[in-house]
Amino acid sequence: MTYFWSAVGVVLVLGIGLIVGGSLSGPGRDGRDLSARRSVQMQVGAVMVGVSLCVLVIAYLTADWP
């Protein structure tokens, strides 16, 4: 189960990283506008964060508490 929770944590961190990276403004390295790509990047990050948070909430609600 440790690998599972590690994977959920990695997905959460990567999703937050995609959201932060997509929120950066300005042109890319070659001077082109990357707003469409960054918008998709933020949406993918939001889905990743949402899925990992749902997994954490479901695990919390279904845990066998003493």
PDB file of N, CA and C in Angstrom:
ATOM      1  N   MET A   1       0.821  -1.204   0.000  1.00  0.00           N
ATOM      2  CA  MET A   1       0.000   0.000   0.000  1.00  0.00           C
ATOM      3  C   MET A   1       0.861   1.263   0.000  1.00  0.00           C
ATOM      4  N   THR A   2       2.089   1.146   0.451  1.00  0.00           N
ATOM      5  CA  THR A   2       2.955   2.328   0.468  1.00  0.00           C
ATOM      6  C   THR A   2       3.173   2.857  -0.938  1.00  0.00           C
ATOM      7  N   TYR A   3       3.320   1.945  -1.912  1.00  0.00           N
ATOM      8  CA  TYR A   3       3.503   2.384  -3.289  1.00  0.00           C
ATOM      9  C   TYR A   3       2.266   3.107  -3.795  1.00  0.00           C
ATOM     10  N   PHE A   4       1.098   2.643  -3.398  1.00  0.00           N
ATOM     11  CA  PHE A   4      -0.143   3.285  -3.812  1.00  0.00           C
ATOM     12  C   PHE A   4      -0.205   4.718  -3.289  1.00  0.00           C
ATOM     13  N   TRP A   5       0.078   4.897  -2.002  1.00  0.00           N
ATOM     14  CA  TRP A   5       0.009   6.240  -1.425  1.00  0.00           C
ATOM     15  C   TRP A   5       1.111   7.131  -1.974  1.00  0.00           C
ATOM     16  N   SER A   6       2.252   6.548  -2.265  1.00  0.00           N
ATOM     17  CA  SER A   6       3.321   7.323  -2.895  1.00  0.00           C
ATOM     18  C   SER A   6       2.892   7.794  -4.283  1.00  0.00           C
ATOM     19  N   ALA A   7       2.237   6.916  -5.027  1.00  0.00           N
ATOM     20  CA  ALA A   7       1.762   7.280  -6.368  1.00  0.00           C
ATOM     21  C   ALA A   7       0.698   8.371  -6.291  1.00  0.00           C
ATOM     22  N   VAL A   8      -0.203   8.278  -5.312  1.00  0.00           N
ATOM     23  CA  VAL A   8      -1.224   9.318  -5.153  1.00  0.00           C
ATOM     24  C   VAL A   8      -0.559  10.652  -4.824  1.00  0.00           C
ATOM     25  N   GLY A   9       0.461  10.620  -3.964  1.00  0.00           N
ATOM     26  CA  GLY A   9       1.183  11.844  -3.628  1.00  0.00           C
ATOM     27  C   GLY A   9       1.907  12.433  -4.823  1.00  0.00           C
ATOM     28  N   VAL A  10       2.507  11.582  -5.644  1.00  0.00           N
ATOM     29  CA  VAL A  10       3.204  12.054  -6.844  1.00  0.00           C
ATOM     30  C   VAL A  10       2.220  12.681  -7.821  1.00  0.00           C
ATOM     31  N   VAL A  11       1.066  12.059  -8.016  1.00  0.00           N
ATOM     32  CA  VAL A  11       0.051  12.614  -8.918  1.00  0.00           C
ATOM     33  C   VAL A  11      -0.423  13.968  -8.405  1.00  0.00           C
ATOM     34  N   LEU A  12      -0.605  14.095  -7.096  1.00  0.00           N
ATOM     35  CA  LEU A  12      -1.024  15.369  -6.513  1.00  0.00           C
ATOM     36  C   LEU A  12       0.028  16.447  -6.747  1.00  0.00           C
ATOM     37  N   VAL A  13       1.285  16.131  -6.496  1.00  0.00           N
ATOM     38  CA  VAL A  13       2.358  17.115  -6.671  1.00  0.00           C
ATOM     39  C   VAL A  13       2.528  17.481  -8.148  1.00  0.00           C
ATOM     40  N   LEU A  14       2.459  16.506  -9.037  1.00  0.00           N
ATOM     41  CA  LEU A  14       2.570  16.803 -10.465  1.00  0.00           C
ATOM     42  C   LEU A  14       1.403  17.661 -10.951  1.00  0.00           C
ATOM     43  N   GLY A  15       0.211  17.376 -10.451  1.00  0.00           N
ATOM     44  CA  GLY A  15      -0.943  18.189 -10.830  1.00  0.00           C
ATOM     45  C   GLY A  15      -0.804  19.625 -10.377  1.00  0.00           C
ATOM     46  N   ILE A  16      -0.333  19.815  -9.149  1.00  0.00           N
ATOM     47  CA  ILE A  16      -0.118  21.180  -8.662  1.00  0.00           C
ATOM     48  C   ILE A  16       0.978  21.862  -9.487  1.00  0.00           C
ATOM     49  N   GLY A  17       2.002  21.115  -9.831  1.00  0.00           N
ATOM     50  CA  GLY A  17       3.064  21.676 -10.668  1.00  0.00           C
ATOM     51  C   GLY A  17       2.569  22.089 -12.044  1.00  0.00           C
ATOM     52  N   LEU A  18       1.685  21.286 -12.635  1.00  0.00           N
ATOM     53  CA  LEU A  18       1.120  21.653 -13.940  1.00  0.00           C
ATOM     54  C   LEU A  18       0.256  22.903 -13.831  1.00  0.00           C
ATOM     55  N   ILE A  19      -0.485  23.021 -12.750  1.00  0.00           N
ATOM     56  CA  ILE A  19      -1.322  24.207 -12.575  1.00  0.00           C
ATOM     57  C   ILE A  19      -0.447  25.448 -12.421  1.00  0.00           C
ATOM     58  N   VAL A  20       0.584  25.339 -11.605  1.00  0.00           N
ATOM     59  CA  VAL A  20       1.482  26.490 -11.401  1.00  0.00           C
ATOM     60  C   VAL A  20       2.218  26.825 -12.696  1.00  0.00           C
ATOM     61  N   GLY A  21       2.720  25.809 -13.379  1.00  0.00           N
ATOM     62  CA  GLY A  21       3.413  26.048 -14.644  1.00  0.00           C
ATOM     63  C   GLY A  21       2.501  26.635 -15.715  1.00  0.00           C
ATOM     64  N   GLY A  22       1.259  26.200 -15.732  1.00  0.00           N
ATOM     65  CA  GLY A  22       0.318  26.726 -16.711  1.00  0.00           C
ATOM     66  C   GLY A  22      -0.150  28.129 -16.395  1.00  0.00           C
ATOM     67  N   SER A  23      -0.037  28.535 -15.136  1.00  0.00           N
ATOM     68  CA  SER A  23      -0.494  29.870 -14.766  1.00  0.00           C
ATOM     69  C   SER A  23       0.543  30.950 -15.059  1.00  0.00           C
ATOM     70  N   LEU A  24       1.750  30.549 -15.437  1.00  0.00           N
ATOM     71  CA  LEU A  24       2.770  31.531 -15.777  1.00  0.00           C
ATOM     72  C   LEU A  24       2.371  32.276 -17.037  1.00  0.00           C
ATOM     73  N   SER A  25       2.612  33.553 -17.056  1.00  0.00           N
ATOM     74  CA  SER A  25       2.246  34.351 -18.220  1.00  0.00           C
ATOM     75  C   SER A  25       3.488  34.686 -19.026  1.00  0.00           C
ATOM     76  N   GLY A  26       3.268  35.108 -20.239  1.00  0.00           N
ATOM     77  CA  GLY A  26       4.369  35.506 -21.100  1.00  0.00           C
ATOM     78  C   GLY A  26       4.590  34.518 -22.219  1.00  0.00           C
ATOM     79  N   PRO A  27       5.394  34.923 -23.184  1.00  0.00           N
ATOM     80  CA  PRO A  27       5.667  34.044 -24.328  1.00  0.00           C
ATOM     81  C   PRO A  27       6.619  32.928 -23.957  1.00  0.00           C
ATOM     82  N   GLY A  28       6.662  31.927 -24.805  1.00  0.00           N
ATOM     83  CA  GLY A  28       7.581  30.818 -24.605  1.00  0.00           C
ATOM     84  C   GLY A  28       8.999  31.221 -24.951  1.00  0.00           C
ATOM     85  N   ARG A  29       9.892  30.240 -24.954  1.00  0.00           N
ATOM     86  CA  ARG A  29      11.304  30.530 -25.228  1.00  0.00           C
ATOM     87  C   ARG A  29      11.527  31.065 -26.632  1.00  0.00           C
ATOM     88  N   ASP A  30      10.731  30.605 -27.569  1.00  0.00           N
ATOM     89  CA  ASP A  30      10.903  31.039 -28.947  1.00  0.00           C
ATOM     90  C   ASP A  30      10.043  32.253 -29.283  1.00  0.00           C
ATOM     91  N   GLY A  31       9.361  32.828 -28.304  1.00  0.00           N
ATOM     92  CA  GLY A  31       8.588  34.044 -28.518  1.00  0.00           C
ATOM     93  C   GLY A  31       7.149  33.832 -28.918  1.00  0.00           C
ATOM     94  N   ARG A  32       6.722  32.576 -29.096  1.00  0.00           N
ATOM     95  CA  ARG A  32       5.334  32.316 -29.483  1.00  0.00           C
ATOM     96  C   ARG A  32       4.422  32.358 -28.277  1.00  0.00           C
ATOM     97  N   ASP A  33       3.171  32.675 -28.539  1.00  0.00           N
ATOM     98  CA  ASP A  33       2.177  32.707 -27.473  1.00  0.00           C
ATOM     99  C   ASP A  33       1.772  31.278 -27.129  1.00  0.00           C
ATOM    100  N   LEU A  34       1.831  30.952 -25.862  1.00  0.00           N
ATOM    101  CA  LEU A  34       1.539  29.591 -25.423  1.00  0.00           C
ATOM    102  C   LEU A  34       0.277  29.521 -24.569  1.00  0.00           C
ATOM    103  N   SER A  35      -0.612  30.482 -24.717  1.00  0.00           N
ATOM    104  CA  SER A  35      -1.781  30.535 -23.841  1.00  0.00           C
ATOM    105  C   SER A  35      -2.686  29.308 -24.025  1.00  0.00           C
ATOM    106  N   ALA A  36      -2.861  28.829 -25.248  1.00  0.00           N
ATOM    107  CA  ALA A  36      -3.715  27.655 -25.467  1.00  0.00           C
ATOM    108  C   ALA A  36      -3.088  26.415 -24.839  1.00  0.00           C
ATOM    109  N   ARG A  37      -1.792  26.255 -25.009  1.00  0.00           N
ATOM    110  CA  ARG A  37      -1.110  25.098 -24.429  1.00  0.00           C
ATOM    111  C   ARG A  37      -1.144  25.170 -22.913  1.00  0.00           C
ATOM    112  N   ARG A  38      -0.944  26.350 -22.360  1.00  0.00           N
ATOM    113  CA  ARG A  38      -0.961  26.496 -20.905  1.00  0.00           C
ATOM    114  C   ARG A  38      -2.350  26.271 -20.337  1.00  0.00           C
ATOM    115  N   SER A  39      -3.371  26.628 -21.099  1.00  0.00           N
ATOM    116  CA  SER A  39      -4.739  26.371 -20.650  1.00  0.00           C
ATOM    117  C   SER A  39      -4.994  24.870 -20.543  1.00  0.00           C
ATOM    118  N   VAL A  40      -4.563  24.117 -21.534  1.00  0.00           N
ATOM    119  CA  VAL A  40      -4.711  22.658 -21.497  1.00  0.00           C
ATOM    120  C   VAL A  40      -3.875  22.079 -20.363  1.00  0.00           C
ATOM    121  N   GLN A  41      -2.686  22.633 -20.169  1.00  0.00           N
ATOM    122  CA  GLN A  41      -1.814  22.167 -19.093  1.00  0.00           C
ATOM    123  C   GLN A  41      -2.482  22.366 -17.733  1.00  0.00           C
ATOM    124  N   MET A  42      -3.119  23.506 -17.545  1.00  0.00           N
ATOM    125  CA  MET A  42      -3.809  23.765 -16.277  1.00  0.00           C
ATOM    126  C   MET A  42      -5.007  22.836 -16.103  1.00  0.00           C
ATOM    127  N   GLN A  43      -5.720  22.542 -17.180  1.00  0.00           N
ATOM    128  CA  GLN A  43      -6.868  21.640 -17.082  1.00  0.00           C
ATOM    129  C   GLN A  43      -6.427  20.231 -16.725  1.00  0.00           C
ATOM    130  N   VAL A  44      -5.346  19.760 -17.323  1.00  0.00           N
ATOM    131  CA  VAL A  44      -4.832  18.429 -16.998  1.00  0.00           C
ATOM    132  C   VAL A  44      -4.376  18.395 -15.539  1.00  0.00           C
ATOM    133  N   GLY A  45      -3.713  19.442 -15.095  1.00  0.00           N
ATOM    134  CA  GLY A  45      -3.289  19.515 -13.702  1.00  0.00           C
ATOM    135  C   GLY A  45      -4.463  19.517 -12.750  1.00  0.00           C
ATOM    136  N   ALA A  46      -5.519  20.233 -13.108  1.00  0.00           N
ATOM    137  CA  ALA A  46      -6.708  20.273 -12.253  1.00  0.00           C
ATOM    138  C   ALA A  46      -7.364  18.896 -12.158  1.00  0.00           C
ATOM    139  N   VAL A  47      -7.399  18.162 -13.254  1.00  0.00           N
ATOM    140  CA  VAL A  47      -7.961  16.812 -13.234  1.00  0.00           C
ATOM    141  C   VAL A  47      -7.113  15.900 -12.354  1.00  0.00           C
ATOM    142  N   MET A  48      -5.805  16.019 -12.467  1.00  0.00           N
ATOM    143  CA  MET A  48      -4.916  15.191 -11.651  1.00  0.00           C
ATOM    144  C   MET A  48      -5.091  15.485 -10.163  1.00  0.00           C
ATOM    145  N   VAL A  49      -5.162  16.764  -9.816  1.00  0.00           N
ATOM    146  CA  VAL A  49      -5.365  17.134  -8.414  1.00  0.00           C
ATOM    147  C   VAL A  49      -6.725  16.650  -7.933  1.00  0.00           C
ATOM    148  N   GLY A  50      -7.750  16.827  -8.751  1.00  0.00           N
ATOM    149  CA  GLY A  50      -9.093  16.385  -8.371  1.00  0.00           C
ATOM    150  C   GLY A  50      -9.172  14.887  -8.140  1.00  0.00           C
ATOM    151  N   VAL A  51      -8.558  14.117  -9.022  1.00  0.00           N
ATOM    152  CA  VAL A  51      -8.582  12.661  -8.873  1.00  0.00           C
ATOM    153  C   VAL A  51      -7.830  12.244  -7.614  1.00  0.00           C
ATOM    154  N   SER A  52      -6.663  12.817  -7.381  1.00  0.00           N
ATOM    155  CA  SER A  52      -5.899  12.411  -6.208  1.00  0.00           C
ATOM    156  C   SER A  52      -6.602  12.825  -4.914  1.00  0.00           C
ATOM    157  N   LEU A  53      -7.245  13.982  -4.901  1.00  0.00           N
ATOM    158  CA  LEU A  53      -7.986  14.387  -3.706  1.00  0.00           C
ATOM    159  C   LEU A  53      -9.214  13.503  -3.492  1.00  0.00           C
ATOM    160  N   CYS A  54      -9.873  13.104  -4.559  1.00  0.00           N
ATOM    161  CA  CYS A  54     -11.010  12.181  -4.421  1.00  0.00           C
ATOM    162  C   CYS A  54     -10.552  10.845  -3.856  1.00  0.00           C
ATOM    163  N   VAL A  55      -9.415  10.357  -4.311  1.00  0.00           N
ATOM    164  CA  VAL A  55      -8.884   9.099  -3.778  1.00  0.00           C
ATOM    165  C   VAL A  55      -8.593   9.240  -2.292  1.00  0.00           C
ATOM    166  N   LEU A  56      -8.005  10.355  -1.894  1.00  0.00           N
ATOM    167  CA  LEU A  56      -7.698  10.570  -0.478  1.00  0.00           C
ATOM    168  C   LEU A  56      -8.961  10.660   0.367  1.00  0.00           C
ATOM    169  N   VAL A  57      -9.980  11.347  -0.119  1.00  0.00           N
ATOM    170  CA  VAL A  57     -11.234  11.478   0.627  1.00  0.00           C
ATOM    171  C   VAL A  57     -11.933  10.124   0.737  1.00  0.00           C
ATOM    172  N   ILE A  58     -11.981   9.377  -0.350  1.00  0.00           N
ATOM    173  CA  ILE A  58     -12.611   8.056  -0.319  1.00  0.00           C
ATOM    174  C   ILE A  58     -11.856   7.131   0.632  1.00  0.00           C
ATOM    175  N   ALA A  59     -10.531   7.198   0.616  1.00  0.00           N
ATOM    176  CA  ALA A  59      -9.747   6.366   1.526  1.00  0.00           C
ATOM    177  C   ALA A  59     -10.003   6.763   2.979  1.00  0.00           C
ATOM    178  N   TYR A  60     -10.141   8.041   3.227  1.00  0.00           N
ATOM    179  CA  TYR A  60     -10.422   8.509   4.585  1.00  0.00           C
ATOM    180  C   TYR A  60     -11.801   8.040   5.054  1.00  0.00           C
ATOM    181  N   LEU A  61     -12.783   8.145   4.178  1.00  0.00           N
ATOM    182  CA  LEU A  61     -14.151   7.778   4.560  1.00  0.00           C
ATOM    183  C   LEU A  61     -14.344   6.281   4.715  1.00  0.00           C
ATOM    184  N   THR A  62     -13.578   5.491   4.000  1.00  0.00           N
ATOM    185  CA  THR A  62     -13.735   4.034   4.052  1.00  0.00           C
ATOM    186  C   THR A  62     -12.702   3.360   4.957  1.00  0.00           C
ATOM    187  N   ALA A  63     -11.885   4.121   5.650  1.00  0.00           N
ATOM    188  CA  ALA A  63     -10.845   3.544   6.495  1.00  0.00           C
ATOM    189  C   ALA A  63     -11.476   2.833   7.688  1.00  0.00           C
ATOM    190  N   ASP A  64     -10.801   1.805   8.148  1.00  0.00           N
ATOM    191  CA  ASP A  64     -11.250   1.042   9.303  1.00  0.00           C
ATOM    192  C   ASP A  64     -10.680   1.689  10.569  1.00  0.00           C
ATOM    193  N   TRP A  65     -11.411   2.657  11.084  1.00  0.00           N
ATOM    194  CA  TRP A  65     -10.951   3.389  12.252  1.00  0.00           C
ATOM    195  C   TRP A  65     -11.229   2.586  13.528  1.00  0.00           C
ATOM    196  N   PRO A  66     -10.315   2.643  14.486  1.00  0.00           N
ATOM    197  CA  PRO A  66     -10.530   1.886  15.743  1.00  0.00           C
ATOM    198  C   PRO A  66     -11.617   2.481  16.605  1.00  0.00           C
TER     199      PRO A  66
END
